[in-house]
Each structure stands twice: as C-alpha cells, then as structure tokens.
Amino acid sequence: MATFREEQIGARIKSLRIDRGLTLAAVAERTNLSRGYLSKLENSKSAPPVSTLASIAEALGVHVADIFANAEPTTMVTVVKKTERQASYRHGIEVGYSYSPLAPVFPKRLMDPYFINILPRAEKTHIFQHKGHELMMILSGKLELHIGDQEFLLDAGDCVYFDASLPHYGYALGGKEVEAMLVISAGGERSS
C-alpha cells in the first residue's frame, strides 16, 4: 500500500477542485473560508484541521477521506492495518493532534472514521464547528472535552456522541496523549 504524506493534502484538494470546475472563489463562498486561506492551503505542506477538511470536502461534493485517496475505489470492504495507517500530523503546532483515516478507499461512505491522537494543551485553542454528528470513543488516556457550554471528562472506554454544529474542542489530561476513534457523519436522515 502506498504511503500518503501530509504534504499531498493541499495538492489533492486543488486537483479535486479543478476536476469539478470550481474556482477558489466558489469554494471560499461554500466554505466561509477566505480565498487567500484556500490558496495557501492548496500550496501548503501541512494539513488543516479535520473540521476544515470536512467543510472543504462538502464544498467539493466528496467525503473527507477522498482527499486522502488517489483513485476512485470500487471496493465494498476496506481494511486498514495498524501499520498501514496514513497519519496527518498536527503535533507541536497550533491544534496539537494527528488523525489517520480508517476507511480512505471505501466509496460513497455515510461516515468518516479516524484514529486520532490528542496532545495535552496545545499552544492555541482551535474551536471546531461543522455540519454533521461526531462519535468519539476514548481508547486510552483522559480527555477534557468542551461541547457548547458543557465540559466533559472522558476516560478510556468512555464514548460521546454529539451534534458537531456545536462548538467543540478538547485536551489530553495528565501529561499523556489521548488515543481515540472518531467517526464523523455528514448528517442526513435520522435512523432509529
């Protein structure tokens, strides 16, 4: 399996945008991101936060993990071995986390699963807010999670499901990283 590198994200976004005949201005209008920011991102060597990728993917009419894929897959089953995860790193900079897509080649996904590592307090708080729902299962560590005006302390084995249109952010506690599985859904019909 080919290794995906973080510096490929900007070029992939640009390729998807051009393939769809969209200008930077059109994507900027759809995402509420500035044209300048999008241009900088397309030429960047580092990945933006997942929430920004989700907004851009929606504007492009693709799933977030399609940004990590190089071809249109036809599989009905996808397996990502631990040793084959394609991580995009945010360690040591503003946001302070890394994420690895867990279904990067599954076509027409209804949700986007990720394995994430969250660092203790980052240099700067980035508040996420986007369409859809999120489900997060803490695998190891202790997380201080803020959703709207509520604060939650989550330990390994704890799970949270929430409307991602609420502002949200979190920090690892105890000086150790948090490992978690995160599933983002674009929303749609309610299932019971």
C-alpha atoms as a PDB file:
ATOM      1  CA  MET A   1       0.000   0.000   0.000  1.00  0.00           C
ATOM      2  CA  ALA A   2       1.332   3.435  -0.913  1.00  0.00           C
ATOM      3  CA  THR A   3       2.081   5.805   1.936  1.00  0.00           C
ATOM      4  CA  PHE A   4       0.110   9.034   1.996  1.00  0.00           C
ATOM      5  CA  ARG A   5       2.072  12.092   3.045  1.00  0.00           C
ATOM      6  CA  GLU A   6       0.632  15.162   4.746  1.00  0.00           C
ATOM      7  CA  GLU A   7       2.151  17.454   2.114  1.00  0.00           C
ATOM      8  CA  GLN A   8      -0.103  15.805  -0.514  1.00  0.00           C
ATOM      9  CA  ILE A   9      -3.328  17.143   1.017  1.00  0.00           C
ATOM     10  CA  GLY A  10      -3.175  20.632  -0.498  1.00  0.00           C
ATOM     11  CA  ALA A  11      -2.385  19.313  -3.973  1.00  0.00           C
ATOM     12  CA  ARG A  12      -5.193  16.757  -3.695  1.00  0.00           C
ATOM     13  CA  ILE A  13      -7.696  19.465  -2.699  1.00  0.00           C
ATOM     14  CA  LYS A  14      -6.584  21.576  -5.665  1.00  0.00           C
ATOM     15  CA  SER A  15      -6.914  18.599  -8.013  1.00  0.00           C
ATOM     16  CA  LEU A  16     -10.431  17.791  -6.761  1.00  0.00           C
ATOM     17  CA  ARG A  17     -11.443  21.460  -7.074  1.00  0.00           C
ATOM     18  CA  ILE A  18     -10.145  21.763 -10.645  1.00  0.00           C
ATOM     19  CA  ASP A  19     -11.697  18.400 -11.650  1.00  0.00           C
ATOM     20  CA  ARG A  20     -15.063  19.802 -10.579  1.00  0.00           C
ATOM     21  CA  GLY A  21     -14.571  23.068 -12.452  1.00  0.00           C
ATOM     22  CA  LEU A  22     -14.696  25.151  -9.273  1.00  0.00           C
ATOM     23  CA  THR A  23     -12.783  28.362  -8.684  1.00  0.00           C
ATOM     24  CA  LEU A  24     -11.165  29.267  -5.380  1.00  0.00           C
ATOM     25  CA  ALA A  25     -13.841  31.954  -5.016  1.00  0.00           C
ATOM     26  CA  ALA A  26     -16.636  29.368  -5.414  1.00  0.00           C
ATOM     27  CA  VAL A  27     -15.115  27.062  -2.794  1.00  0.00           C
ATOM     28  CA  ALA A  28     -14.492  30.041  -0.492  1.00  0.00           C
ATOM     29  CA  GLU A  29     -18.162  31.021  -0.730  1.00  0.00           C
ATOM     30  CA  ARG A  30     -19.319  27.447   0.004  1.00  0.00           C
ATOM     31  CA  THR A  31     -16.992  27.018   2.995  1.00  0.00           C
ATOM     32  CA  ASN A  32     -16.928  30.508   4.536  1.00  0.00           C
ATOM     33  CA  LEU A  33     -13.126  30.312   4.288  1.00  0.00           C
ATOM     34  CA  SER A  34     -11.219  33.104   2.575  1.00  0.00           C
ATOM     35  CA  ARG A  35      -9.929  32.681  -0.967  1.00  0.00           C
ATOM     36  CA  GLY A  36      -6.448  33.536   0.326  1.00  0.00           C
ATOM     37  CA  TYR A  37      -6.593  30.850   3.016  1.00  0.00           C
ATOM     38  CA  LEU A  38      -7.720  28.231   0.477  1.00  0.00           C
ATOM     39  CA  SER A  39      -4.936  29.210  -1.924  1.00  0.00           C
ATOM     40  CA  LYS A  40      -2.391  28.993   0.886  1.00  0.00           C
ATOM     41  CA  LEU A  41      -3.804  25.595   1.887  1.00  0.00           C
ATOM     42  CA  GLU A  42      -3.603  24.226  -1.668  1.00  0.00           C
ATOM     43  CA  ASN A  43       0.081  25.166  -1.771  1.00  0.00           C
ATOM     44  CA  SER A  44       0.830  24.154   1.816  1.00  0.00           C
ATOM     45  CA  LYS A  45       2.941  21.281   3.076  1.00  0.00           C
ATOM     46  CA  SER A  46       0.843  20.778   6.221  1.00  0.00           C
ATOM     47  CA  ALA A  47      -2.700  19.576   6.829  1.00  0.00           C
ATOM     48  CA  PRO A  48      -5.536  21.737   8.141  1.00  0.00           C
ATOM     49  CA  PRO A  49      -7.809  20.609  10.993  1.00  0.00           C
ATOM     50  CA  VAL A  50     -10.306  17.826  10.219  1.00  0.00           C
ATOM     51  CA  SER A  51     -13.205  20.293  10.559  1.00  0.00           C
ATOM     52  CA  THR A  52     -11.692  22.436   7.782  1.00  0.00           C
ATOM     53  CA  LEU A  53     -11.190  19.333   5.628  1.00  0.00           C
ATOM     54  CA  ALA A  54     -14.834  18.384   6.287  1.00  0.00           C
ATOM     55  CA  SER A  55     -16.031  21.806   5.145  1.00  0.00           C
ATOM     56  CA  ILE A  56     -13.864  21.708   2.004  1.00  0.00           C
ATOM     57  CA  ALA A  57     -14.896  18.128   1.207  1.00  0.00           C
ATOM     58  CA  GLU A  58     -18.567  19.109   1.466  1.00  0.00           C
ATOM     59  CA  ALA A  59     -17.977  22.069  -0.873  1.00  0.00           C
ATOM     60  CA  LEU A  60     -16.272  19.730  -3.359  1.00  0.00           C
ATOM     61  CA  GLY A  61     -19.018  17.107  -3.081  1.00  0.00           C
ATOM     62  CA  VAL A  62     -16.697  14.402  -1.722  1.00  0.00           C
ATOM     63  CA  HIS A  63     -16.095  12.661   1.588  1.00  0.00           C
ATOM     64  CA  VAL A  64     -13.193  13.849   3.747  1.00  0.00           C
ATOM     65  CA  ALA A  65     -11.239  10.631   3.263  1.00  0.00           C
ATOM     66  CA  ASP A  66     -11.486  11.068  -0.541  1.00  0.00           C
ATOM     67  CA  ILE A  67      -8.936  13.834  -0.072  1.00  0.00           C
ATOM     68  CA  PHE A  68      -6.516  11.110   1.062  1.00  0.00           C
ATOM     69  CA  ALA A  69      -7.273   8.777  -1.877  1.00  0.00           C
ATOM     70  CA  ASN A  70      -5.648   8.972  -5.308  1.00  0.00           C
ATOM     71  CA  ALA A  71      -8.196   6.975  -7.328  1.00  0.00           C
ATOM     72  CA  GLU A  72     -11.905   6.176  -7.260  1.00  0.00           C
ATOM     73  CA  PRO A  73     -12.187   2.871  -5.405  1.00  0.00           C
ATOM     74  CA  THR A  74     -14.709   0.139  -6.170  1.00  0.00           C
ATOM     75  CA  THR A  75     -14.357  -1.991  -3.036  1.00  0.00           C
ATOM     76  CA  MET A  76     -17.232  -2.968  -0.762  1.00  0.00           C
ATOM     77  CA  VAL A  77     -14.886  -3.797   2.139  1.00  0.00           C
ATOM     78  CA  THR A  78     -11.866  -1.888   3.348  1.00  0.00           C
ATOM     79  CA  VAL A  79      -9.299  -2.950   5.932  1.00  0.00           C
ATOM     80  CA  VAL A  80      -6.627  -0.615   7.273  1.00  0.00           C
ATOM     81  CA  LYS A  81      -3.908  -2.394   9.230  1.00  0.00           C
ATOM     82  CA  LYS A  82      -2.386  -0.511  12.151  1.00  0.00           C
ATOM     83  CA  THR A  83       0.952  -0.436  10.302  1.00  0.00           C
ATOM     84  CA  GLU A  84      -0.696   0.979   7.159  1.00  0.00           C
ATOM     85  CA  ARG A  85      -2.460   3.995   8.658  1.00  0.00           C
ATOM     86  CA  GLN A  86      -1.793   7.229   6.800  1.00  0.00           C
ATOM     87  CA  ALA A  87      -1.398   9.844   9.511  1.00  0.00           C
ATOM     88  CA  SER A  88      -1.558  13.587   9.077  1.00  0.00           C
ATOM     89  CA  TYR A  89       0.194  15.254  11.970  1.00  0.00           C
ATOM     90  CA  ARG A  90      -0.689  18.377  13.914  1.00  0.00           C
ATOM     91  CA  HIS A  91       1.729  17.665  16.798  1.00  0.00           C
ATOM     92  CA  GLY A  92       3.658  20.560  18.259  1.00  0.00           C
ATOM     93  CA  ILE A  93       1.745  23.242  16.396  1.00  0.00           C
ATOM     94  CA  GLU A  94      -1.471  25.146  16.913  1.00  0.00           C
ATOM     95  CA  VAL A  95      -4.059  22.363  17.036  1.00  0.00           C
ATOM     96  CA  GLY A  96      -1.979  19.583  18.618  1.00  0.00           C
ATOM     97  CA  TYR A  97      -3.334  16.320  17.234  1.00  0.00           C
ATOM     98  CA  SER A  98      -2.866  13.759  14.481  1.00  0.00           C
ATOM     99  CA  TYR A  99      -5.528  11.852  12.608  1.00  0.00           C
ATOM    100  CA  SER A 100      -5.486   8.768  10.379  1.00  0.00           C
ATOM    101  CA  PRO A 101      -8.425   7.890   8.106  1.00  0.00           C
ATOM    102  CA  LEU A 102      -9.681   4.355   8.775  1.00  0.00           C
ATOM    103  CA  ALA A 103     -11.689   3.928   5.552  1.00  0.00           C
ATOM    104  CA  PRO A 104      -9.790   6.010   2.987  1.00  0.00           C
ATOM    105  CA  VAL A 105     -10.772   3.959  -0.069  1.00  0.00           C
ATOM    106  CA  PHE A 106     -14.374   2.969   0.655  1.00  0.00           C
ATOM    107  CA  PRO A 107     -16.665   4.565  -1.962  1.00  0.00           C
ATOM    108  CA  LYS A 108     -19.713   6.659  -1.052  1.00  0.00           C
ATOM    109  CA  ARG A 109     -19.234   6.402   2.694  1.00  0.00           C
ATOM    110  CA  LEU A 110     -22.002   7.554   5.015  1.00  0.00           C
ATOM    111  CA  MET A 111     -19.447   8.335   7.723  1.00  0.00           C
ATOM    112  CA  ASP A 112     -15.723   9.041   8.018  1.00  0.00           C
ATOM    113  CA  PRO A 113     -13.880   7.112  10.757  1.00  0.00           C
ATOM    114  CA  TYR A 114     -10.486   8.240  12.102  1.00  0.00           C
ATOM    115  CA  PHE A 115      -7.915   7.122  14.633  1.00  0.00           C
ATOM    116  CA  ILE A 116      -6.779  10.277  16.445  1.00  0.00           C
ATOM    117  CA  ASN A 117      -4.087  11.249  18.941  1.00  0.00           C
ATOM    118  CA  ILE A 118      -4.743  14.355  21.028  1.00  0.00           C
ATOM    119  CA  LEU A 119      -1.905  16.127  22.826  1.00  0.00           C
ATOM    120  CA  PRO A 120      -2.063  17.851  26.207  1.00  0.00           C
ATOM    121  CA  ARG A 121      -2.960  21.539  25.860  1.00  0.00           C
ATOM    122  CA  ALA A 122      -1.849  22.918  22.515  1.00  0.00           C
ATOM    123  CA  GLU A 123      -0.279  26.347  22.024  1.00  0.00           C
ATOM    124  CA  LYS A 124      -3.584  27.780  20.858  1.00  0.00           C
ATOM    125  CA  THR A 125      -7.176  26.590  21.249  1.00  0.00           C
ATOM    126  CA  HIS A 126      -8.858  25.783  17.950  1.00  0.00           C
ATOM    127  CA  ILE A 127     -12.616  25.518  18.269  1.00  0.00           C
ATOM    128  CA  PHE A 128     -14.212  23.126  15.784  1.00  0.00           C
ATOM    129  CA  GLN A 129     -17.726  23.569  14.439  1.00  0.00           C
ATOM    130  CA  HIS A 130     -19.159  21.923  11.317  1.00  0.00           C
ATOM    131  CA  LYS A 131     -22.207  20.131   9.943  1.00  0.00           C
ATOM    132  CA  GLY A 132     -22.987  16.577  10.938  1.00  0.00           C
ATOM    133  CA  HIS A 133     -22.531  14.427  14.000  1.00  0.00           C
ATOM    134  CA  GLU A 134     -19.474  13.040  15.777  1.00  0.00           C
ATOM    135  CA  LEU A 135     -18.962   9.909  17.811  1.00  0.00           C
ATOM    136  CA  MET A 136     -15.742   9.567  19.804  1.00  0.00           C
ATOM    137  CA  MET A 137     -14.619   6.504  21.766  1.00  0.00           C
ATOM    138  CA  ILE A 138     -11.660   7.083  24.082  1.00  0.00           C
ATOM    139  CA  LEU A 139      -9.192   4.193  23.726  1.00  0.00           C
ATOM    140  CA  SER A 140      -6.517   5.430  26.135  1.00  0.00           C
ATOM    141  CA  GLY A 141      -5.786   8.494  28.220  1.00  0.00           C
ATOM    142  CA  LYS A 142      -8.067  11.107  29.765  1.00  0.00           C
ATOM    143  CA  LEU A 143      -9.757  13.836  27.708  1.00  0.00           C
ATOM    144  CA  GLU A 144     -11.214  17.180  28.756  1.00  0.00           C
ATOM    145  CA  LEU A 145     -13.847  17.795  26.078  1.00  0.00           C
ATOM    146  CA  HIS A 146     -15.798  21.033  25.652  1.00  0.00           C
ATOM    147  CA  ILE A 147     -19.043  20.919  23.645  1.00  0.00           C
ATOM    148  CA  GLY A 148     -21.040  24.127  23.530  1.00  0.00           C
ATOM    149  CA  ASP A 149     -21.057  25.427  27.105  1.00  0.00           C
ATOM    150  CA  GLN A 150     -20.579  21.973  28.665  1.00  0.00           C
ATOM    151  CA  GLU A 151     -17.354  20.311  29.839  1.00  0.00           C
ATOM    152  CA  PHE A 152     -16.874  16.535  29.981  1.00  0.00           C
ATOM    153  CA  LEU A 153     -14.044  14.458  31.470  1.00  0.00           C
ATOM    154  CA  LEU A 154     -13.691  11.227  29.494  1.00  0.00           C
ATOM    155  CA  ASP A 155     -11.573   8.178  30.354  1.00  0.00           C
ATOM    156  CA  ALA A 156     -10.586   5.111  28.336  1.00  0.00           C
ATOM    157  CA  GLY A 157     -13.754   3.227  27.411  1.00  0.00           C
ATOM    158  CA  ASP A 158     -15.985   6.326  27.542  1.00  0.00           C
ATOM    159  CA  CYS A 159     -17.914   7.365  24.450  1.00  0.00           C
ATOM    160  CA  VAL A 160     -19.555  10.631  23.396  1.00  0.00           C
ATOM    161  CA  TYR A 161     -21.952  11.352  20.517  1.00  0.00           C
ATOM    162  CA  PHE A 162     -22.878  14.938  19.656  1.00  0.00           C
ATOM    163  CA  ASP A 163     -24.120  17.405  17.082  1.00  0.00           C
ATOM    164  CA  ALA A 164     -20.923  18.794  15.523  1.00  0.00           C
ATOM    165  CA  SER A 165     -22.608  22.122  14.755  1.00  0.00           C
ATOM    166  CA  LEU A 166     -21.969  22.888  18.445  1.00  0.00           C
ATOM    167  CA  PRO A 167     -18.538  24.476  19.048  1.00  0.00           C
ATOM    168  CA  HIS A 168     -16.186  21.782  20.381  1.00  0.00           C
ATOM    169  CA  TYR A 169     -12.554  21.205  21.359  1.00  0.00           C
ATOM    170  CA  GLY A 170     -10.565  19.073  23.760  1.00  0.00           C
ATOM    171  CA  TYR A 171      -7.256  18.465  25.536  1.00  0.00           C
ATOM    172  CA  ALA A 172      -5.465  15.399  26.819  1.00  0.00           C
ATOM    173  CA  LEU A 173      -5.025  15.492  30.593  1.00  0.00           C
ATOM    174  CA  GLY A 174      -2.312  14.080  32.859  1.00  0.00           C
ATOM    175  CA  GLY A 175       0.542  14.942  30.507  1.00  0.00           C
ATOM    176  CA  LYS A 176      -0.220  11.952  28.240  1.00  0.00           C
ATOM    177  CA  GLU A 177      -1.714  11.770  24.751  1.00  0.00           C
ATOM    178  CA  VAL A 178      -5.258  10.544  24.257  1.00  0.00           C
ATOM    179  CA  GLU A 179      -5.915   7.883  21.636  1.00  0.00           C
ATOM    180  CA  ALA A 180      -9.461   7.769  20.314  1.00  0.00           C
ATOM    181  CA  MET A 181     -11.613   6.576  17.467  1.00  0.00           C
ATOM    182  CA  LEU A 182     -13.581   9.420  15.913  1.00  0.00           C
ATOM    183  CA  VAL A 183     -16.456   8.953  13.471  1.00  0.00           C
ATOM    184  CA  ILE A 184     -17.815  11.974  11.604  1.00  0.00           C
ATOM    185  CA  SER A 185     -21.144  11.779   9.804  1.00  0.00           C
ATOM    186  CA  ALA A 186     -22.252  14.413   7.344  1.00  0.00           C
ATOM    187  CA  GLY A 187     -25.751  14.179   8.781  1.00  0.00           C
ATOM    188  CA  GLY A 188     -28.766  13.307   6.671  1.00  0.00           C
ATOM    189  CA  GLU A 189     -31.724  11.160   7.631  1.00  0.00           C
ATOM    190  CA  ARG A 190     -32.217  10.192  11.243  1.00  0.00           C
ATOM    191  CA  SER A 191     -32.006   6.484  11.985  1.00  0.00           C
ATOM    192  CA  SER A 192     -33.774   4.955  14.950  1.00  0.00           C
END
